[in-house]
Amino acid sequence: MSVSAAPEPLLNVPNVLSLSRVPLATVLFACIVHELWLPGLLVFLVAAATDWADGWWARRYGPLTLVGRSLDPLTDKILVCGTFIYLIPVPRAGIDPWMVTVVVCRELLVTGLRGMVEATGKKFGADWFGKLKMALQCAVLASVLLIAWLRTVDGVTGLLGLLLPAQMALLWLTLAATVGSGAQYLVKAVRLLR
């Protein structure tokens, strides 16, 4: 299925799923601020699932649109970058401001590159490395919210002892994938803009 060049309606199933991440992210941010960890985790999981669902629906049933190609990554960035930012002040979350700066700068870089490349009429969609990066970012954010909730539950000290090192390893892996995929997109953009 090719991307339509005709005027496209904004409201179709994939775009509604993408747009749903904005109010879901707003609810999530409120949950973080008010330390409502379990509801926040559940909202985050639903929002992250819409990222998979919108792409699946568009590929399976259509429509694949230019609006959708821009809307999906934009709402992803609102969800992921916003969650990272809201988690900075959370005690023992393990997310330092410099880490969030890396994530946000990478997302801004890739968004700018996408705009430049697609302005020339060439496609600059997500590749496997970018999708892996998104999956890792969602996994680490879900793990931070899960651990924040578990800290409020009695009798899970042993489980926390297992999860905390795994979360930190996942965070470092996520940062590596964030930088690596950003570098890959930069190389790809330079090649496409020549």
N, C-alpha and C. Protein backbone atom coordinates (compact mmCIF):
# COMPACT_ATOMS: atom_id res chain seq x y z
N MET A 1 0.85 -1.18 0.00
CA MET A 1 0.00 0.00 0.00
C MET A 1 0.89 1.24 0.00
N SER A 2 0.62 2.18 -0.88
CA SER A 2 1.45 3.37 -0.95
C SER A 2 0.81 4.51 -0.18
N VAL A 3 1.61 5.52 0.09
CA VAL A 3 1.12 6.70 0.80
C VAL A 3 0.33 7.55 -0.17
N SER A 4 -0.86 7.94 0.23
CA SER A 4 -1.76 8.71 -0.62
C SER A 4 -1.27 10.15 -0.78
N ALA A 5 -1.38 10.69 -2.01
CA ALA A 5 -1.01 12.08 -2.26
C ALA A 5 -2.25 12.98 -2.28
N ALA A 6 -3.45 12.38 -2.29
CA ALA A 6 -4.69 13.15 -2.31
C ALA A 6 -4.94 13.75 -0.93
N PRO A 7 -5.83 14.76 -0.86
CA PRO A 7 -6.17 15.29 0.45
C PRO A 7 -6.66 14.14 1.34
N GLU A 8 -6.20 14.14 2.55
CA GLU A 8 -6.49 13.01 3.42
C GLU A 8 -7.25 13.46 4.65
N PRO A 9 -8.21 12.65 5.07
CA PRO A 9 -8.93 13.00 6.29
C PRO A 9 -8.03 12.80 7.50
N LEU A 10 -8.15 13.70 8.46
CA LEU A 10 -7.35 13.58 9.67
C LEU A 10 -7.85 12.44 10.55
N LEU A 11 -9.17 12.27 10.60
CA LEU A 11 -9.74 11.28 11.51
C LEU A 11 -9.94 9.94 10.81
N ASN A 12 -8.98 9.07 11.04
CA ASN A 12 -9.10 7.67 10.65
C ASN A 12 -8.57 6.88 11.84
N VAL A 13 -8.75 5.58 11.83
CA VAL A 13 -8.40 4.77 13.01
C VAL A 13 -6.93 4.94 13.41
N PRO A 14 -5.96 4.81 12.48
CA PRO A 14 -4.57 4.96 12.92
C PRO A 14 -4.28 6.34 13.51
N ASN A 15 -4.82 7.40 12.92
CA ASN A 15 -4.55 8.74 13.43
C ASN A 15 -5.22 8.97 14.79
N VAL A 16 -6.42 8.43 14.97
CA VAL A 16 -7.10 8.56 16.27
C VAL A 16 -6.29 7.83 17.34
N LEU A 17 -5.76 6.64 17.00
CA LEU A 17 -4.91 5.92 17.95
C LEU A 17 -3.67 6.74 18.28
N SER A 18 -3.05 7.33 17.26
CA SER A 18 -1.87 8.17 17.50
C SER A 18 -2.23 9.37 18.37
N LEU A 19 -3.31 10.05 18.01
CA LEU A 19 -3.72 11.24 18.78
C LEU A 19 -4.10 10.90 20.21
N SER A 20 -4.56 9.67 20.45
CA SER A 20 -4.95 9.29 21.81
C SER A 20 -3.77 9.32 22.77
N ARG A 21 -2.55 9.24 22.24
CA ARG A 21 -1.38 9.29 23.12
C ARG A 21 -1.23 10.64 23.81
N VAL A 22 -1.75 11.70 23.23
CA VAL A 22 -1.61 13.03 23.84
C VAL A 22 -2.42 13.12 25.14
N PRO A 23 -3.73 12.84 25.14
CA PRO A 23 -4.43 12.88 26.44
C PRO A 23 -3.95 11.79 27.39
N LEU A 24 -3.59 10.62 26.87
CA LEU A 24 -3.05 9.58 27.75
C LEU A 24 -1.76 10.05 28.41
N ALA A 25 -0.91 10.72 27.64
CA ALA A 25 0.34 11.25 28.21
C ALA A 25 0.04 12.29 29.29
N THR A 26 -0.95 13.13 29.05
CA THR A 26 -1.32 14.14 30.04
C THR A 26 -1.77 13.49 31.35
N VAL A 27 -2.58 12.45 31.24
CA VAL A 27 -3.02 11.72 32.44
C VAL A 27 -1.81 11.07 33.12
N LEU A 28 -0.93 10.48 32.33
CA LEU A 28 0.28 9.86 32.88
C LEU A 28 1.12 10.88 33.65
N PHE A 29 1.33 12.05 33.06
CA PHE A 29 2.15 13.07 33.73
C PHE A 29 1.52 13.47 35.07
N ALA A 30 0.19 13.59 35.09
CA ALA A 30 -0.50 13.91 36.35
C ALA A 30 -0.31 12.78 37.36
N CYS A 31 -0.36 11.54 36.89
CA CYS A 31 -0.14 10.40 37.79
C CYS A 31 1.27 10.45 38.39
N ILE A 32 2.26 10.79 37.58
CA ILE A 32 3.63 10.87 38.08
C ILE A 32 3.75 11.97 39.13
N VAL A 33 3.21 13.14 38.82
CA VAL A 33 3.29 14.27 39.76
C VAL A 33 2.64 13.92 41.09
N HIS A 34 1.54 13.18 41.04
CA HIS A 34 0.80 12.83 42.27
C HIS A 34 1.19 11.46 42.83
N GLU A 35 2.26 10.89 42.27
CA GLU A 35 2.80 9.60 42.73
C GLU A 35 1.75 8.49 42.73
N LEU A 36 0.93 8.48 41.71
CA LEU A 36 -0.05 7.41 41.50
C LEU A 36 0.59 6.40 40.54
N TRP A 37 1.46 5.57 41.10
CA TRP A 37 2.35 4.75 40.26
C TRP A 37 1.63 3.65 39.50
N LEU A 38 0.74 2.93 40.12
CA LEU A 38 0.06 1.85 39.41
C LEU A 38 -0.85 2.39 38.30
N PRO A 39 -1.70 3.40 38.59
CA PRO A 39 -2.47 3.97 37.48
C PRO A 39 -1.56 4.54 36.39
N GLY A 40 -0.47 5.18 36.79
CA GLY A 40 0.46 5.72 35.80
C GLY A 40 1.06 4.64 34.92
N LEU A 41 1.45 3.53 35.54
CA LEU A 41 1.99 2.40 34.78
C LEU A 41 0.95 1.88 33.79
N LEU A 42 -0.28 1.71 34.24
CA LEU A 42 -1.33 1.19 33.36
C LEU A 42 -1.61 2.14 32.20
N VAL A 43 -1.67 3.44 32.49
CA VAL A 43 -1.89 4.43 31.42
C VAL A 43 -0.72 4.39 30.44
N PHE A 44 0.50 4.30 30.95
CA PHE A 44 1.66 4.25 30.06
C PHE A 44 1.60 3.02 29.17
N LEU A 45 1.25 1.87 29.72
CA LEU A 45 1.18 0.64 28.92
C LEU A 45 0.12 0.75 27.83
N VAL A 46 -1.03 1.36 28.15
CA VAL A 46 -2.07 1.56 27.13
C VAL A 46 -1.55 2.51 26.05
N ALA A 47 -0.93 3.61 26.45
CA ALA A 47 -0.41 4.58 25.48
C ALA A 47 0.65 3.94 24.59
N ALA A 48 1.56 3.16 25.18
CA ALA A 48 2.60 2.49 24.40
C ALA A 48 1.98 1.48 23.44
N ALA A 49 0.91 0.81 23.87
CA ALA A 49 0.24 -0.16 23.00
C ALA A 49 -0.39 0.52 21.79
N THR A 50 -0.84 1.77 21.94
CA THR A 50 -1.42 2.47 20.79
C THR A 50 -0.37 2.75 19.73
N ASP A 51 0.90 2.83 20.13
CA ASP A 51 1.97 3.02 19.14
C ASP A 51 2.08 1.80 18.24
N TRP A 52 1.97 0.63 18.82
CA TRP A 52 1.99 -0.58 18.01
C TRP A 52 0.70 -0.68 17.20
N ALA A 53 -0.45 -0.40 17.84
CA ALA A 53 -1.75 -0.60 17.21
C ALA A 53 -1.97 0.32 16.01
N ASP A 54 -1.53 1.58 16.09
CA ASP A 54 -1.77 2.49 14.96
C ASP A 54 -1.02 2.03 13.72
N GLY A 55 0.22 1.61 13.89
CA GLY A 55 0.99 1.12 12.74
C GLY A 55 0.44 -0.17 12.19
N TRP A 56 0.06 -1.08 13.08
CA TRP A 56 -0.51 -2.36 12.64
C TRP A 56 -1.78 -2.11 11.84
N TRP A 57 -2.67 -1.26 12.36
CA TRP A 57 -3.93 -0.98 11.69
C TRP A 57 -3.68 -0.34 10.32
N ALA A 58 -2.80 0.64 10.27
CA ALA A 58 -2.54 1.34 9.00
C ALA A 58 -1.98 0.38 7.95
N ARG A 59 -1.06 -0.49 8.36
CA ARG A 59 -0.49 -1.44 7.39
C ARG A 59 -1.52 -2.50 6.96
N ARG A 60 -2.36 -2.92 7.89
CA ARG A 60 -3.30 -4.00 7.60
C ARG A 60 -4.55 -3.51 6.88
N TYR A 61 -5.13 -2.39 7.36
CA TYR A 61 -6.41 -1.93 6.83
C TYR A 61 -6.34 -0.57 6.13
N GLY A 62 -5.24 0.17 6.36
CA GLY A 62 -5.12 1.49 5.79
C GLY A 62 -5.89 2.51 6.64
N PRO A 63 -5.84 3.76 6.29
CA PRO A 63 -4.97 4.26 5.24
C PRO A 63 -3.57 4.59 5.76
N LEU A 64 -2.59 4.43 4.88
CA LEU A 64 -1.25 4.93 5.16
C LEU A 64 -1.21 6.35 4.61
N THR A 65 -1.08 7.34 5.48
CA THR A 65 -1.16 8.73 5.04
C THR A 65 0.08 9.52 5.45
N LEU A 66 0.27 10.63 4.76
CA LEU A 66 1.37 11.52 5.12
C LEU A 66 1.15 12.11 6.51
N VAL A 67 -0.10 12.43 6.83
CA VAL A 67 -0.42 12.95 8.16
C VAL A 67 -0.05 11.92 9.21
N GLY A 68 -0.43 10.67 8.98
CA GLY A 68 -0.12 9.61 9.93
C GLY A 68 1.37 9.39 10.09
N ARG A 69 2.12 9.51 8.98
CA ARG A 69 3.58 9.33 9.05
C ARG A 69 4.23 10.41 9.90
N SER A 70 3.61 11.57 10.00
CA SER A 70 4.15 12.65 10.84
C SER A 70 3.58 12.60 12.25
N LEU A 71 2.30 12.28 12.34
CA LEU A 71 1.60 12.29 13.62
C LEU A 71 2.12 11.21 14.57
N ASP A 72 2.35 10.02 14.05
CA ASP A 72 2.79 8.90 14.89
C ASP A 72 4.09 9.21 15.62
N PRO A 73 5.17 9.60 14.91
CA PRO A 73 6.40 9.90 15.66
C PRO A 73 6.29 11.12 16.57
N LEU A 74 5.46 12.09 16.19
CA LEU A 74 5.28 13.27 17.05
C LEU A 74 4.64 12.88 18.38
N THR A 75 3.58 12.09 18.33
CA THR A 75 2.92 11.70 19.58
C THR A 75 3.79 10.73 20.38
N ASP A 76 4.60 9.93 19.68
CA ASP A 76 5.58 9.09 20.39
C ASP A 76 6.52 9.96 21.22
N LYS A 77 7.00 11.03 20.61
CA LYS A 77 7.96 11.91 21.28
C LYS A 77 7.32 12.62 22.47
N ILE A 78 6.06 13.02 22.33
CA ILE A 78 5.36 13.64 23.46
C ILE A 78 5.29 12.66 24.62
N LEU A 79 4.91 11.42 24.32
CA LEU A 79 4.79 10.41 25.37
C LEU A 79 6.14 10.09 26.00
N VAL A 80 7.12 9.74 25.19
CA VAL A 80 8.40 9.27 25.71
C VAL A 80 9.21 10.40 26.34
N CYS A 81 9.40 11.49 25.60
CA CYS A 81 10.21 12.59 26.15
C CYS A 81 9.53 13.19 27.38
N GLY A 82 8.21 13.37 27.31
CA GLY A 82 7.50 13.92 28.46
C GLY A 82 7.63 13.03 29.69
N THR A 83 7.53 11.72 29.50
CA THR A 83 7.64 10.80 30.63
C THR A 83 9.04 10.86 31.22
N PHE A 84 10.06 10.85 30.37
CA PHE A 84 11.43 10.98 30.88
C PHE A 84 11.58 12.28 31.68
N ILE A 85 11.07 13.38 31.16
CA ILE A 85 11.19 14.67 31.84
C ILE A 85 10.48 14.65 33.19
N TYR A 86 9.26 14.12 33.22
CA TYR A 86 8.50 14.08 34.48
C TYR A 86 9.12 13.14 35.50
N LEU A 87 9.91 12.16 35.06
CA LEU A 87 10.53 11.23 36.00
C LEU A 87 11.85 11.75 36.59
N ILE A 88 12.40 12.84 36.04
CA ILE A 88 13.68 13.36 36.57
C ILE A 88 13.62 13.61 38.08
N PRO A 89 12.60 14.31 38.59
CA PRO A 89 12.62 14.61 40.04
C PRO A 89 12.19 13.45 40.94
N VAL A 90 11.80 12.33 40.36
CA VAL A 90 11.33 11.21 41.18
C VAL A 90 12.53 10.58 41.90
N PRO A 91 12.49 10.56 43.23
CA PRO A 91 13.61 9.98 43.98
C PRO A 91 13.83 8.52 43.60
N ARG A 92 15.05 8.15 43.45
CA ARG A 92 15.48 6.78 43.17
C ARG A 92 14.97 6.22 41.84
N ALA A 93 14.55 7.09 40.92
CA ALA A 93 14.12 6.60 39.60
C ALA A 93 15.32 6.22 38.75
N GLY A 94 16.48 6.83 39.06
CA GLY A 94 17.69 6.51 38.31
C GLY A 94 17.82 7.28 37.01
N ILE A 95 16.93 8.23 36.78
CA ILE A 95 16.96 8.99 35.53
C ILE A 95 17.54 10.37 35.83
N ASP A 96 18.74 10.60 35.32
CA ASP A 96 19.43 11.87 35.54
C ASP A 96 19.10 12.85 34.42
N PRO A 97 19.17 14.15 34.71
CA PRO A 97 18.88 15.15 33.68
C PRO A 97 19.71 14.99 32.41
N TRP A 98 20.99 14.62 32.52
CA TRP A 98 21.81 14.48 31.31
C TRP A 98 21.29 13.34 30.43
N MET A 99 20.73 12.30 31.04
CA MET A 99 20.17 11.20 30.26
C MET A 99 18.96 11.67 29.46
N VAL A 100 18.12 12.46 30.10
CA VAL A 100 16.94 13.00 29.43
C VAL A 100 17.37 13.95 28.32
N THR A 101 18.42 14.72 28.56
CA THR A 101 18.93 15.62 27.53
C THR A 101 19.36 14.83 26.30
N VAL A 102 20.02 13.70 26.50
CA VAL A 102 20.43 12.84 25.38
C VAL A 102 19.20 12.38 24.60
N VAL A 103 18.19 11.90 25.31
CA VAL A 103 16.98 11.40 24.66
C VAL A 103 16.28 12.51 23.88
N VAL A 104 16.07 13.66 24.52
CA VAL A 104 15.34 14.75 23.87
C VAL A 104 16.13 15.30 22.68
N CYS A 105 17.44 15.48 22.82
CA CYS A 105 18.26 15.99 21.71
C CYS A 105 18.22 15.03 20.52
N ARG A 106 18.29 13.73 20.80
CA ARG A 106 18.22 12.74 19.71
C ARG A 106 16.88 12.86 18.99
N GLU A 107 15.80 12.98 19.75
CA GLU A 107 14.47 13.05 19.14
C GLU A 107 14.32 14.33 18.31
N LEU A 108 14.83 15.44 18.81
CA LEU A 108 14.78 16.69 18.04
C LEU A 108 15.62 16.59 16.78
N LEU A 109 16.80 15.99 16.89
CA LEU A 109 17.67 15.81 15.72
C LEU A 109 16.97 14.98 14.65
N VAL A 110 16.43 13.84 15.04
CA VAL A 110 15.80 12.95 14.06
C VAL A 110 14.55 13.60 13.47
N THR A 111 13.80 14.33 14.27
CA THR A 111 12.62 15.03 13.75
C THR A 111 13.02 16.07 12.72
N GLY A 112 14.06 16.83 13.01
CA GLY A 112 14.56 17.81 12.04
C GLY A 112 15.06 17.16 10.77
N LEU A 113 15.80 16.07 10.92
CA LEU A 113 16.30 15.35 9.74
C LEU A 113 15.15 14.80 8.91
N ARG A 114 14.15 14.24 9.59
CA ARG A 114 12.99 13.69 8.87
C ARG A 114 12.32 14.79 8.05
N GLY A 115 12.13 15.95 8.66
CA GLY A 115 11.50 17.05 7.94
C GLY A 115 12.31 17.48 6.73
N MET A 116 13.63 17.56 6.88
CA MET A 116 14.49 17.98 5.76
C MET A 116 14.44 16.95 4.63
N VAL A 117 14.56 15.69 4.97
CA VAL A 117 14.58 14.64 3.93
C VAL A 117 13.23 14.53 3.25
N GLU A 118 12.15 14.51 4.04
CA GLU A 118 10.83 14.33 3.43
C GLU A 118 10.40 15.57 2.65
N ALA A 119 10.98 16.74 2.94
CA ALA A 119 10.70 17.93 2.14
C ALA A 119 11.23 17.78 0.72
N THR A 120 12.20 16.89 0.52
CA THR A 120 12.72 16.63 -0.82
C THR A 120 11.92 15.56 -1.55
N GLY A 121 10.88 15.03 -0.88
CA GLY A 121 10.05 14.00 -1.49
C GLY A 121 10.51 12.58 -1.22
N LYS A 122 11.56 12.43 -0.43
CA LYS A 122 12.07 11.10 -0.11
C LYS A 122 11.49 10.63 1.22
N LYS A 123 11.38 9.31 1.36
CA LYS A 123 10.85 8.73 2.61
C LYS A 123 11.97 8.64 3.64
N PHE A 124 11.59 8.88 4.90
CA PHE A 124 12.55 8.82 6.00
C PHE A 124 11.85 8.25 7.23
N GLY A 125 11.25 7.08 7.04
CA GLY A 125 10.51 6.45 8.13
C GLY A 125 11.42 5.73 9.10
N ALA A 126 10.80 5.17 10.12
CA ALA A 126 11.54 4.44 11.14
C ALA A 126 12.11 3.15 10.56
N ASP A 127 13.33 2.82 10.97
CA ASP A 127 13.92 1.55 10.59
C ASP A 127 14.00 0.65 11.82
N TRP A 128 14.59 -0.51 11.68
CA TRP A 128 14.62 -1.49 12.78
C TRP A 128 15.31 -0.93 14.02
N PHE A 129 16.37 -0.12 13.83
CA PHE A 129 17.11 0.40 14.98
C PHE A 129 16.26 1.42 15.74
N GLY A 130 15.55 2.26 14.99
CA GLY A 130 14.65 3.23 15.62
C GLY A 130 13.51 2.55 16.35
N LYS A 131 13.00 1.46 15.78
CA LYS A 131 11.93 0.71 16.45
C LYS A 131 12.45 0.01 17.70
N LEU A 132 13.67 -0.51 17.62
CA LEU A 132 14.29 -1.12 18.80
C LEU A 132 14.47 -0.08 19.90
N LYS A 133 14.94 1.11 19.51
CA LYS A 133 15.14 2.20 20.47
C LYS A 133 13.82 2.54 21.16
N MET A 134 12.74 2.64 20.39
CA MET A 134 11.43 2.95 20.96
C MET A 134 10.98 1.85 21.92
N ALA A 135 11.18 0.60 21.53
CA ALA A 135 10.79 -0.52 22.41
C ALA A 135 11.58 -0.49 23.71
N LEU A 136 12.88 -0.20 23.62
CA LEU A 136 13.71 -0.12 24.83
C LEU A 136 13.30 1.06 25.70
N GLN A 137 13.01 2.20 25.08
CA GLN A 137 12.57 3.36 25.86
C GLN A 137 11.27 3.04 26.60
N CYS A 138 10.34 2.41 25.91
CA CYS A 138 9.08 2.04 26.57
C CYS A 138 9.31 1.04 27.69
N ALA A 139 10.20 0.08 27.45
CA ALA A 139 10.49 -0.93 28.49
C ALA A 139 11.11 -0.29 29.72
N VAL A 140 12.06 0.62 29.52
CA VAL A 140 12.71 1.22 30.68
C VAL A 140 11.75 2.14 31.43
N LEU A 141 10.92 2.87 30.71
CA LEU A 141 9.96 3.75 31.39
C LEU A 141 8.93 2.92 32.16
N ALA A 142 8.47 1.83 31.56
CA ALA A 142 7.53 0.95 32.26
C ALA A 142 8.19 0.36 33.51
N SER A 143 9.48 0.00 33.39
CA SER A 143 10.17 -0.58 34.56
C SER A 143 10.33 0.45 35.68
N VAL A 144 10.59 1.70 35.33
CA VAL A 144 10.71 2.75 36.36
C VAL A 144 9.37 2.93 37.08
N LEU A 145 8.29 2.97 36.31
CA LEU A 145 6.96 3.12 36.92
C LEU A 145 6.60 1.90 37.76
N LEU A 146 6.93 0.71 37.27
CA LEU A 146 6.67 -0.52 38.02
C LEU A 146 7.42 -0.53 39.34
N ILE A 147 8.70 -0.19 39.29
CA ILE A 147 9.51 -0.19 40.52
C ILE A 147 9.03 0.89 41.49
N ALA A 148 8.64 2.05 40.96
CA ALA A 148 8.11 3.11 41.84
C ALA A 148 6.85 2.60 42.55
N TRP A 149 6.00 1.86 41.84
CA TRP A 149 4.81 1.30 42.48
C TRP A 149 5.19 0.23 43.50
N LEU A 150 6.11 -0.67 43.12
CA LEU A 150 6.50 -1.76 44.03
C LEU A 150 7.10 -1.23 45.33
N ARG A 151 7.73 -0.07 45.28
CA ARG A 151 8.28 0.52 46.50
C ARG A 151 7.18 0.87 47.51
N THR A 152 5.94 0.98 47.03
CA THR A 152 4.82 1.31 47.92
C THR A 152 4.11 0.05 48.43
N VAL A 153 4.55 -1.12 47.96
CA VAL A 153 3.91 -2.38 48.33
C VAL A 153 4.76 -3.08 49.38
N ASP A 154 4.13 -3.56 50.43
CA ASP A 154 4.86 -4.27 51.49
C ASP A 154 5.31 -5.65 51.02
N GLY A 155 6.48 -6.07 51.48
CA GLY A 155 6.94 -7.44 51.28
C GLY A 155 7.56 -7.75 49.93
N VAL A 156 8.00 -6.74 49.20
CA VAL A 156 8.59 -7.02 47.88
C VAL A 156 10.06 -6.61 47.81
N THR A 157 10.72 -6.50 48.94
CA THR A 157 12.11 -6.06 48.97
C THR A 157 13.00 -6.97 48.13
N GLY A 158 12.78 -8.27 48.22
CA GLY A 158 13.59 -9.21 47.43
C GLY A 158 13.39 -9.02 45.94
N LEU A 159 12.16 -8.80 45.54
CA LEU A 159 11.86 -8.56 44.13
C LEU A 159 12.51 -7.27 43.65
N LEU A 160 12.46 -6.23 44.48
CA LEU A 160 13.11 -4.97 44.12
C LEU A 160 14.61 -5.17 43.95
N GLY A 161 15.20 -5.99 44.80
CA GLY A 161 16.63 -6.27 44.69
C GLY A 161 17.00 -6.90 43.36
N LEU A 162 16.08 -7.65 42.77
CA LEU A 162 16.32 -8.24 41.45
C LEU A 162 16.03 -7.25 40.33
N LEU A 163 14.98 -6.46 40.49
CA LEU A 163 14.55 -5.56 39.41
C LEU A 163 15.43 -4.33 39.25
N LEU A 164 15.94 -3.79 40.34
CA LEU A 164 16.72 -2.54 40.24
C LEU A 164 17.95 -2.68 39.36
N PRO A 165 18.80 -3.72 39.51
CA PRO A 165 19.94 -3.84 38.60
C PRO A 165 19.51 -4.05 37.14
N ALA A 166 18.41 -4.79 36.95
CA ALA A 166 17.91 -5.01 35.59
C ALA A 166 17.44 -3.70 34.98
N GLN A 167 16.77 -2.86 35.79
CA GLN A 167 16.31 -1.57 35.29
C GLN A 167 17.49 -0.69 34.89
N MET A 168 18.53 -0.66 35.71
CA MET A 168 19.69 0.18 35.38
C MET A 168 20.40 -0.32 34.12
N ALA A 169 20.52 -1.64 33.98
CA ALA A 169 21.12 -2.19 32.76
C ALA A 169 20.28 -1.82 31.54
N LEU A 170 18.96 -1.92 31.68
CA LEU A 170 18.05 -1.56 30.59
C LEU A 170 18.16 -0.08 30.26
N LEU A 171 18.31 0.76 31.27
CA LEU A 171 18.46 2.20 31.04
C LEU A 171 19.71 2.49 30.23
N TRP A 172 20.83 1.87 30.59
CA TRP A 172 22.08 2.09 29.85
C TRP A 172 21.98 1.55 28.42
N LEU A 173 21.33 0.41 28.26
CA LEU A 173 21.13 -0.15 26.92
C LEU A 173 20.25 0.78 26.08
N THR A 174 19.24 1.35 26.72
CA THR A 174 18.35 2.29 26.04
C THR A 174 19.11 3.53 25.59
N LEU A 175 19.97 4.06 26.46
CA LEU A 175 20.77 5.23 26.08
C LEU A 175 21.69 4.91 24.92
N ALA A 176 22.30 3.72 24.93
CA ALA A 176 23.17 3.32 23.82
C ALA A 176 22.38 3.22 22.52
N ALA A 177 21.19 2.63 22.57
CA ALA A 177 20.35 2.52 21.37
C ALA A 177 19.87 3.89 20.91
N THR A 178 19.61 4.79 21.86
CA THR A 178 19.17 6.14 21.52
C THR A 178 20.26 6.87 20.74
N VAL A 179 21.49 6.81 21.25
CA VAL A 179 22.62 7.47 20.57
C VAL A 179 22.92 6.76 19.25
N GLY A 180 22.96 5.43 19.28
CA GLY A 180 23.30 4.67 18.08
C GLY A 180 22.30 4.87 16.96
N SER A 181 21.02 4.83 17.28
CA SER A 181 20.02 5.01 16.23
C SER A 181 20.02 6.45 15.72
N GLY A 182 20.28 7.41 16.62
CA GLY A 182 20.40 8.80 16.18
C GLY A 182 21.54 8.99 15.20
N ALA A 183 22.68 8.36 15.49
CA ALA A 183 23.83 8.43 14.58
C ALA A 183 23.49 7.77 13.24
N GLN A 184 22.79 6.64 13.30
CA GLN A 184 22.42 5.94 12.07
C GLN A 184 21.49 6.81 11.21
N TYR A 185 20.51 7.46 11.85
CA TYR A 185 19.61 8.34 11.10
C TYR A 185 20.37 9.53 10.52
N LEU A 186 21.35 10.05 11.24
CA LEU A 186 22.14 11.17 10.73
C LEU A 186 22.89 10.76 9.47
N VAL A 187 23.53 9.60 9.51
CA VAL A 187 24.26 9.10 8.33
C VAL A 187 23.30 8.89 7.17
N LYS A 188 22.15 8.30 7.45
CA LYS A 188 21.14 8.05 6.41
C LYS A 188 20.66 9.36 5.80
N ALA A 189 20.41 10.38 6.64
CA ALA A 189 19.93 11.67 6.14
C ALA A 189 20.97 12.36 5.27
N VAL A 190 22.23 12.33 5.70
CA VAL A 190 23.29 12.95 4.90
C VAL A 190 23.35 12.29 3.53
N ARG A 191 23.25 10.97 3.50
CA ARG A 191 23.28 10.24 2.22
C ARG A 191 22.09 10.62 1.35
N LEU A 192 20.90 10.72 1.92
CA LEU A 192 19.70 11.04 1.15
C LEU A 192 19.66 12.50 0.69
N LEU A 193 20.34 13.38 1.40
CA LEU A 193 20.31 14.81 1.05
C LEU A 193 21.39 15.20 0.06
N ARG A 194 22.24 14.27 -0.32
CA ARG A 194 23.30 14.60 -1.29
C ARG A 194 22.75 14.75 -2.67
